[in-house]
Protein backbone atom coordinates (compact mmCIF):
# COMPACT_ATOMS: atom_id res chain seq x y z
CA UNK A 1 147.13 178.33 25.26
CA UNK A 2 150.58 176.76 25.09
CA UNK A 3 151.77 176.29 21.49
CA UNK A 4 153.70 173.32 20.14
CA UNK A 5 156.99 175.18 19.66
CA UNK A 6 156.85 176.34 23.29
CA UNK A 7 156.56 172.73 24.49
CA UNK A 8 159.48 171.72 22.23
CA UNK A 9 161.67 174.61 23.39
CA UNK A 10 160.89 173.90 27.05
CA UNK A 11 161.65 170.21 26.56
CA UNK A 12 164.99 171.16 24.95
CA UNK A 13 165.90 173.25 27.99
CA UNK A 14 164.93 170.41 30.35
CA UNK A 15 167.03 167.72 28.68
CA UNK A 16 169.98 169.74 27.40
CA UNK A 17 173.16 169.80 29.54
CA UNK A 18 173.72 173.00 31.51
CA UNK A 19 176.87 175.11 31.15
CA UNK A 20 176.94 175.56 34.91
CA UNK A 21 176.92 172.16 36.62
CA UNK A 22 175.73 173.77 39.83
CA UNK A 23 172.40 174.69 38.17
CA UNK A 24 171.85 171.04 37.24
CA UNK A 25 172.80 169.98 40.77
CA UNK A 26 170.27 172.36 42.35
CA UNK A 27 167.53 171.11 40.01
CA UNK A 28 168.44 167.49 40.73
CA UNK A 29 168.26 168.13 44.48
CA UNK A 30 164.91 169.85 44.00
CA UNK A 31 163.56 166.82 42.10
CA UNK A 32 164.97 164.40 44.68
CA UNK A 33 163.63 166.46 47.60
CA UNK A 34 160.11 166.62 46.17
CA UNK A 35 160.17 162.90 45.35
CA UNK A 36 161.29 161.86 48.83
CA UNK A 37 158.99 164.36 50.55
CA UNK A 38 155.91 163.19 48.65
CA UNK A 39 156.87 159.52 49.14
CA UNK A 40 157.31 160.03 52.90
CA UNK A 41 154.01 161.91 53.17
CA UNK A 42 152.08 159.27 51.19
CA UNK A 43 153.63 156.45 53.24
CA UNK A 44 153.11 158.08 56.66
CA UNK A 45 149.49 158.98 55.88
CA UNK A 46 148.86 155.40 54.68
CA UNK A 47 150.42 153.81 57.78
CA UNK A 48 148.61 156.15 60.18
CA UNK A 49 145.37 155.53 58.28
CA UNK A 50 146.00 151.80 58.59
CA UNK A 51 146.60 152.02 62.34
CA UNK A 52 143.45 154.11 62.76
CA UNK A 53 141.43 151.56 60.80
CA UNK A 54 142.83 148.67 62.85
CA UNK A 55 142.14 150.43 66.15
CA UNK A 56 138.67 151.42 64.98
CA UNK A 57 137.81 147.85 64.02
CA UNK A 58 139.05 146.51 67.35
CA UNK A 59 137.33 149.12 69.52
CA UNK A 60 134.05 148.91 67.62
CA UNK A 61 134.29 145.13 67.46
CA UNK A 62 134.02 145.08 71.27
CA UNK A 63 131.64 147.98 71.97
CA UNK A 64 129.59 148.37 68.75
CA UNK A 65 128.95 151.49 66.68
CA UNK A 66 126.07 152.84 68.78
CA UNK A 67 125.37 152.26 72.49
CA UNK A 68 121.94 152.63 74.10
CA UNK A 69 121.61 152.84 77.88
CA UNK A 70 119.58 154.28 80.74
CA UNK A 71 122.77 155.71 82.28
CA UNK A 72 122.95 154.31 85.82
CA UNK A 73 119.57 152.57 85.56
CA UNK A 74 119.04 149.14 83.95
CA UNK A 75 117.20 148.61 80.67
CA UNK A 76 114.27 146.42 81.62
CA UNK A 77 112.82 145.99 78.12
CA UNK A 78 116.11 145.06 76.46
CA UNK A 79 114.74 142.17 74.39
CA UNK A 80 112.00 144.37 72.91
CA UNK A 81 114.48 147.10 71.98
CA UNK A 82 116.86 144.56 70.43
CA UNK A 83 114.01 143.18 68.30
CA UNK A 84 113.08 146.70 67.17
CA UNK A 85 116.66 147.63 66.34
CA UNK A 86 117.26 144.43 64.35
CA UNK A 87 114.44 145.41 61.97
CA UNK A 88 116.14 148.71 61.09
CA UNK A 89 117.71 148.63 57.59
CA UNK A 90 120.96 150.25 58.78
CA UNK A 91 121.46 147.78 61.65
CA UNK A 92 123.54 144.63 61.18
CA UNK A 93 123.03 143.36 64.73
CA UNK A 94 121.93 144.60 68.15
CA UNK A 95 123.03 142.90 71.35
CA UNK A 96 121.84 143.44 74.92
CA UNK A 97 124.74 143.16 77.37
CA UNK A 98 125.50 143.60 81.05
CA UNK A 99 128.66 145.54 81.88
CA UNK A 100 130.01 145.38 85.41
CA UNK A 101 133.14 146.13 87.40
CA UNK A 102 134.57 143.46 89.65
CA UNK A 103 137.63 141.89 91.18
CA UNK A 104 139.38 138.72 90.01
CA UNK A 105 140.89 136.66 92.83
CA UNK A 106 142.81 133.46 93.32
CA UNK A 107 145.43 132.31 95.82
CA UNK A 108 147.98 134.95 94.73
CA UNK A 109 146.02 137.45 92.59
CA UNK A 110 143.71 140.37 93.24
CA UNK A 111 142.97 142.32 90.07
CA UNK A 112 140.29 144.84 89.13
CA UNK A 113 138.46 143.78 85.96
CA UNK A 114 135.72 144.83 83.55
CA UNK A 115 133.12 142.09 83.08
CA UNK A 116 131.00 141.86 79.96
CA UNK A 117 127.95 139.62 80.12
CA UNK A 118 126.94 138.28 76.70
CA UNK A 119 123.92 136.10 75.98
CA UNK A 120 124.19 132.69 74.33
CA UNK A 121 124.51 133.04 70.56
CA UNK A 122 125.54 136.70 70.67
CA UNK A 123 129.25 135.98 70.93
CA UNK A 124 129.41 134.71 67.34
CA UNK A 125 127.74 137.93 66.16
CA UNK A 126 130.91 139.81 67.13
CA UNK A 127 133.37 139.02 64.29
CA UNK A 128 136.42 140.23 66.23
CA UNK A 129 135.56 138.03 69.23
CA UNK A 130 134.59 135.08 67.06
CA UNK A 131 137.99 135.32 65.36
CA UNK A 132 139.87 135.72 68.66
CA UNK A 133 138.26 132.74 70.45
CA UNK A 134 138.46 129.09 69.43
CA UNK A 135 135.20 127.37 68.33
CA UNK A 136 135.51 124.86 71.19
CA UNK A 137 135.77 127.69 73.75
CA UNK A 138 132.76 129.47 72.22
CA UNK A 139 130.75 126.22 72.44
CA UNK A 140 131.67 125.75 76.11
CA UNK A 141 130.88 129.42 76.81
CA UNK A 142 127.40 129.10 75.33
CA UNK A 143 126.82 126.03 77.50
CA UNK A 144 127.65 128.13 80.56
CA UNK A 145 130.74 126.14 81.60
CA UNK A 146 132.84 129.14 82.63
CA UNK A 147 134.40 132.49 81.74
CA UNK A 148 136.88 133.72 79.10
CA UNK A 149 139.76 135.96 80.14
CA UNK A 150 141.80 138.43 78.13
CA UNK A 151 145.03 136.75 77.11
CA UNK A 152 147.25 139.46 78.62
CA UNK A 153 145.28 139.34 81.88
CA UNK A 154 145.71 135.57 82.13
CA UNK A 155 149.42 135.71 81.22
CA UNK A 156 150.29 138.55 83.61
CA UNK A 157 148.76 136.75 86.59
CA UNK A 158 149.68 133.19 85.64
CA UNK A 159 146.10 132.02 85.20
CA UNK A 160 145.74 128.89 83.08
CA UNK A 161 142.81 127.38 81.20
CA UNK A 162 140.91 125.03 83.51
CA UNK A 163 141.86 126.97 86.64
CA UNK A 164 139.12 128.11 89.02
CA UNK A 165 139.11 131.79 90.01
CA UNK A 166 136.85 133.81 92.29
CA UNK A 167 135.10 136.87 90.87
CA UNK A 168 133.70 139.44 93.24
CA UNK A 169 131.15 142.10 92.25
CA UNK A 170 129.76 144.81 94.57
CA UNK A 171 125.97 144.69 94.98
CA UNK A 172 123.46 147.01 96.57
CA UNK A 173 120.99 145.78 99.17
CA UNK A 174 117.99 147.86 100.27
CA UNK A 175 118.37 146.75 103.89
CA UNK A 176 122.07 146.08 104.36
CA UNK A 177 123.41 148.73 101.98
CA UNK A 178 126.45 147.96 99.83
CA UNK A 179 127.56 144.36 99.83
CA UNK A 180 129.39 141.92 97.60
CA UNK A 181 128.90 138.64 95.82
CA UNK A 182 131.78 136.21 95.27
CA UNK A 183 131.35 133.20 92.99
CA UNK A 184 134.03 130.77 91.69
CA UNK A 185 134.25 130.29 87.90
CA UNK A 186 136.28 128.00 85.68
CA UNK A 187 138.50 129.68 83.09
CA UNK A 188 137.61 127.90 79.82
CA UNK A 189 139.82 129.96 77.50
CA UNK A 190 141.37 133.29 76.57
CA UNK A 191 140.91 135.88 73.82
CA UNK A 192 143.30 138.32 72.13
CA UNK A 193 141.76 141.15 70.12
CA UNK A 194 145.03 143.11 69.91
CA UNK A 195 143.97 145.97 72.22
CA UNK A 196 145.81 146.09 75.55
CA UNK A 197 142.93 147.87 77.30
CA UNK A 198 140.67 144.87 76.59
CA UNK A 199 143.16 141.99 76.64
CA UNK A 200 144.57 143.02 80.02
CA UNK A 201 141.41 143.71 82.02
CA UNK A 202 138.30 142.16 80.43
CA UNK A 203 136.44 138.99 81.36
CA UNK A 204 133.65 137.59 79.18
CA UNK A 205 130.88 135.89 81.13
CA UNK A 206 127.52 134.39 80.13
CA UNK A 207 124.89 137.04 80.76
CA UNK A 208 122.77 134.75 82.92
CA UNK A 209 125.74 134.13 85.22
CA UNK A 210 126.60 137.82 85.47
CA UNK A 211 122.99 138.72 86.23
CA UNK A 212 123.08 136.35 89.20
CA UNK A 213 126.51 137.57 90.30
CA UNK A 214 125.70 141.28 90.11
CA UNK A 215 122.03 141.00 91.09
CA UNK A 216 121.26 143.03 87.97
CA UNK A 217 117.54 143.21 87.08
CA UNK A 218 117.87 144.17 83.43
CA UNK A 219 120.59 144.93 80.89
CA UNK A 220 123.04 147.81 81.26
CA UNK A 221 123.44 148.55 77.55
CA UNK A 222 122.42 147.62 74.04
CA UNK A 223 125.33 147.63 71.58
CA UNK A 224 124.42 148.16 67.93
CA UNK A 225 126.54 147.35 64.88
CA UNK A 226 125.65 149.33 61.75
CA UNK A 227 126.22 148.70 58.07
CA UNK A 228 128.44 151.81 57.93
CA UNK A 229 130.28 152.90 61.10
CA UNK A 230 130.82 156.40 59.66
CA UNK A 231 127.04 156.92 59.68
CA UNK A 232 126.75 156.24 63.42
CA UNK A 233 126.24 159.89 64.37
CA UNK A 234 123.59 160.33 61.66
CA UNK A 235 121.84 157.20 62.97
CA UNK A 236 121.79 158.61 66.51
CA UNK A 237 120.43 161.98 65.41
CA UNK A 238 117.70 160.41 63.24
CA UNK A 239 116.59 157.72 65.73
CA UNK A 240 117.25 159.17 69.17
CA UNK A 241 113.54 159.64 69.96
CA UNK A 242 112.40 156.30 68.49
CA UNK A 243 113.68 154.12 71.32
CA UNK A 244 112.71 154.36 74.98
CA UNK A 245 116.16 154.91 76.51
CA UNK A 246 117.81 157.84 78.26
CA UNK A 247 121.04 157.80 76.28
CA UNK A 248 122.04 156.92 72.70
CA UNK A 249 125.69 157.56 71.84
CA UNK A 250 127.75 157.00 68.71
CA UNK A 251 131.26 155.54 68.93
CA UNK A 252 132.79 158.89 67.99
CA UNK A 253 131.30 160.48 71.12
CA UNK A 254 132.27 157.66 73.46
CA UNK A 255 135.88 157.43 72.19
CA UNK A 256 136.20 161.08 71.18
CA UNK A 257 139.43 161.83 73.09
CA UNK A 258 141.17 158.69 71.82
CA UNK A 259 140.47 159.17 68.12
CA UNK A 260 140.88 162.96 68.39
CA UNK A 261 144.43 162.35 69.60
CA UNK A 262 145.09 160.14 66.57
CA UNK A 263 143.74 162.84 64.26
CA UNK A 264 145.94 165.52 65.87
CA UNK A 265 148.99 163.27 65.49
CA UNK A 266 148.13 162.62 61.85
CA UNK A 267 147.72 166.33 61.09
CA UNK A 268 150.98 167.14 62.88
CA UNK A 269 152.88 164.60 60.80
CA UNK A 270 151.31 166.04 57.64
CA UNK A 271 152.50 169.56 58.55
CA UNK A 272 156.04 168.39 59.38
CA UNK A 273 156.45 166.49 56.11
CA UNK A 274 154.74 169.27 54.15
CA UNK A 275 157.50 171.64 55.33
CA UNK A 276 160.02 169.21 53.81
CA UNK A 277 158.22 169.50 50.47
CA UNK A 278 158.09 173.29 50.83
CA UNK A 279 161.89 173.43 51.27
CA UNK A 280 162.30 171.25 48.17
CA UNK A 281 160.16 173.64 46.11
CA UNK A 282 162.45 176.51 47.18
CA UNK A 283 165.18 174.63 45.32
CA UNK A 284 162.94 174.74 42.24
CA UNK A 285 162.78 178.52 42.61
CA UNK A 286 166.56 178.82 43.07
CA UNK A 287 167.33 176.51 40.17
CA UNK A 288 164.98 178.33 37.80
CA UNK A 289 166.40 181.76 38.68
CA UNK A 290 169.89 180.44 37.91
CA UNK A 291 168.61 178.83 34.69
CA UNK A 292 167.11 182.10 33.49
CA UNK A 293 170.40 183.85 34.17
CA UNK A 294 172.27 181.15 32.26
CA UNK A 295 169.89 181.31 29.28
CA UNK A 296 169.92 185.07 28.77
CA UNK A 297 171.44 184.73 25.31
CA UNK A 298 168.85 182.11 24.26
CA UNK A 299 166.05 184.34 25.53
CA UNK A 300 167.46 187.28 23.53
CA UNK A 301 167.62 185.17 20.37
CA UNK A 302 164.02 184.00 20.86
CA UNK A 303 162.90 187.62 21.34
CA UNK A 304 164.67 188.75 18.14
CA UNK A 305 162.95 185.89 16.28
CA UNK A 306 159.57 187.28 17.33
CA UNK A 307 158.80 185.38 20.53
CA UNK A 308 156.46 187.38 22.78
CA UNK A 309 156.91 187.95 26.51
CA UNK A 310 154.01 185.58 27.14
CA UNK A 311 155.71 182.87 25.05
CA UNK A 312 158.95 183.19 27.04
CA UNK A 313 157.01 183.07 30.32
CA UNK A 314 155.19 179.91 29.25
CA UNK A 315 158.42 178.19 28.15
CA UNK A 316 160.22 178.73 31.46
CA UNK A 317 157.05 178.05 33.44
CA UNK A 318 156.86 174.61 31.78
CA UNK A 319 160.54 173.98 32.58
CA UNK A 320 160.10 174.87 36.26
CA UNK A 321 156.77 173.17 36.82
CA UNK A 322 157.95 169.97 35.13
CA UNK A 323 160.30 169.36 38.08
CA UNK A 324 157.42 169.61 40.54
CA UNK A 325 155.05 167.47 38.48
CA UNK A 326 157.69 164.79 37.80
CA UNK A 327 158.80 164.77 41.44
CA UNK A 328 155.19 164.45 42.61
CA UNK A 329 154.47 161.51 40.30
CA UNK A 330 157.72 159.77 41.23
CA UNK A 331 157.06 160.40 44.92
CA UNK A 332 153.55 158.95 44.77
CA UNK A 333 154.83 155.91 42.89
CA UNK A 334 157.68 155.40 45.37
CA UNK A 335 155.40 155.86 48.39
CA UNK A 336 152.81 153.40 47.08
CA UNK A 337 155.53 150.87 46.16
CA UNK A 338 157.13 151.02 49.61
CA UNK A 339 153.69 150.83 51.25
CA UNK A 340 152.68 147.71 49.34
CA UNK A 341 156.06 146.09 50.09
CA UNK A 342 156.43 147.37 53.65
CA UNK A 343 156.66 143.94 55.23
CA UNK A 344 159.67 142.82 53.09
CA UNK A 345 161.28 146.21 53.86
CA UNK A 346 160.72 145.63 57.60
CA UNK A 347 162.23 142.14 57.38
CA UNK A 348 165.22 143.52 55.42
CA UNK A 349 165.95 146.14 58.08
CA UNK A 350 165.63 143.52 60.82
CA UNK A 351 167.74 140.75 59.27
CA UNK A 352 170.37 142.71 57.32
CA UNK A 353 170.78 145.96 59.28
CA UNK A 354 169.56 144.71 62.66
CA UNK A 355 167.03 147.50 63.19
CA UNK A 356 163.55 146.56 64.44
CA UNK A 357 161.25 149.24 63.03
CA UNK A 358 158.05 147.42 64.02
CA UNK A 359 157.73 144.84 66.79
CA UNK A 360 154.60 142.70 66.28
CA UNK A 361 154.68 141.62 69.96
CA UNK A 362 154.50 145.24 71.14
CA UNK A 363 151.80 146.40 68.73
CA UNK A 364 150.03 143.00 68.74
CA UNK A 365 149.72 143.16 64.95
CA UNK A 366 151.31 140.65 62.60
CA UNK A 367 152.18 143.24 59.95
CA UNK A 368 152.32 147.03 59.68
CA UNK A 369 148.80 148.13 58.68
CA UNK A 370 148.69 150.23 55.51
CA UNK A 371 145.58 151.90 54.11
CA UNK A 372 145.92 154.06 51.00
CA UNK A 373 143.27 156.76 50.78
CA UNK A 374 142.80 158.12 47.26
CA UNK A 375 141.56 161.46 48.60
CA UNK A 376 144.67 161.84 50.75
CA UNK A 377 146.96 161.03 47.80
CA UNK A 378 145.13 163.52 45.57
CA UNK A 379 145.43 166.22 48.26
CA UNK A 380 149.17 165.58 48.58
CA UNK A 381 149.60 165.73 44.79
CA UNK A 382 147.61 168.96 44.47
CA UNK A 383 149.46 170.57 47.39
CA UNK A 384 152.89 169.71 45.95
CA UNK A 385 152.09 170.68 42.37
CA UNK A 386 150.57 174.02 43.44
CA UNK A 387 153.72 174.85 45.44
CA UNK A 388 155.87 173.88 42.45
CA UNK A 389 153.82 176.03 40.07
CA UNK A 390 154.11 179.01 42.41
CA UNK A 391 157.88 178.48 42.65
CA UNK A 392 158.21 178.29 38.85
CA UNK A 393 156.10 181.40 38.23
CA UNK A 394 158.48 184.15 39.42
CA UNK A 395 161.55 183.00 37.39
CA UNK A 396 159.32 182.61 34.31
CA UNK A 397 157.97 186.16 34.69
CA UNK A 398 161.51 187.42 35.17
CA UNK A 399 162.57 185.69 31.94
CA UNK A 400 159.59 187.21 30.08
CA UNK A 401 160.54 190.72 31.18
CA UNK A 402 164.02 190.38 29.73
CA UNK A 403 164.53 192.30 26.47
CA UNK A 404 166.66 191.17 23.52
CA UNK A 405 169.15 194.00 24.10
CA UNK A 406 169.51 193.10 27.79
CA UNK A 407 170.22 189.49 26.97
CA UNK A 408 172.83 190.26 24.33
CA UNK A 409 174.60 192.98 26.31
CA UNK A 410 175.57 190.49 28.99
CA UNK A 411 177.32 188.23 26.50
C-alpha cells in the first residue's frame, strides 16, 4: 500500500525543477509523445470505425442483413416465406426481390447493369433508398411508370430523367435455347446511396416489370432486415432449417472479403500507431534512469531517515508512471476533442492552408464519419498505461537498490 508521505515525496519530485535541464526535456518529450500517440490512435480508430459503420449501413441498406435463395433456382413460394419471416421477433422486414443482369442501351450507350426488381410498397421499407429517392419518384415507381437509375450511372452516360432507354436481359427458352428480351423504359429518377458499386451500375425496376422482362417464374432472393445486424450469423444458425430454401447467408459471409480488408487495415493502423506510443514510453524509461542518477543524494537522505527499499521503489514508480497516466488522459481528451470537431479542422486546413484532407465528392459523404467506441478507447488506455508502468518499473527498482553510502559517496 502506498503511504501518504510517498505520494507527497513523489509529487515533489514531479513538480520540482531539475538540476539537469536535459532530464526535464526528455520527460517532456515522453509526455508529448504519449499524448500525441494516444490522440492519433483514438482519432484513427474512431474515423475508421465511422467509415466501417457508414459502409455497413449502405451495403446492408441495399442487400439486407440476411439473404435467402435457392441458388440458381427461383423461389416459388416467396410470399409465404416473407409472411413467415415477418412474424419473427428479430425481423424488422423481409422483402422478396428479383435480381438480374442486363444491358442498358440507348443511341450512344451500351452498359452492363445489375437490375433489382422491388415490389410496390417495398421501396419505402428500405430507409437508405427512401432517403436517396424523392417522394415523387417513389410514387411514380410504385405506379409502374418507369425505372430508377443510379446517379453515377446516369451522369456517366448522359442519361436524363424522362429519357427512354432500352434494357436487355438474356432469357432461356426450352426450344430455342438462350435468347434475349429488350423492352424500352422511361427513366423517372435517380438515386445516390453513396456507394460507387451501386450508384454506377444498378437499376431499380418494379418487380412485375422485371418478371416480364426476364421471364422469371418466382423470386430470386428474399432480403431480411434484422433488429440487430450483428446478430445476423446467430439468426442464420438458429433458423436455417425453419425455411424451405437451399441457401441462407448472413451479410458477413456475403461481404466477407470486403469487410475483412477493412479489419486488416484497421489492425495495421493500430500496430503502426502503437509503435509510436512504444517509442514514447522508452523516453519515460530514459528520463527516469537519468532522474534516479540525479537524485542519488535525495535517495541517500531518505534511506538514512529510515525509508525502506520498498518505499523508495514506490516513490520513483509513482513519478515514472505519472507521465504515462497523464499522457494517456491528455491524449484521449485531445483525440476525442479533435474527433468531435473534425469538420471545422478539415475546413481550416482547406481554407487557410489549402490542403484538402477529405473530398466529399470523392467519398460521397458530406462529413468525415467518426464513431467513438468506448471499448476501443479503454483498450488504448490500458495498453499505454501498462507500457508506461513497465517502463517506470526498472528505474524505480534501481533506485530502491541504492544504499545510503552509495548515494553519498557520489556527492
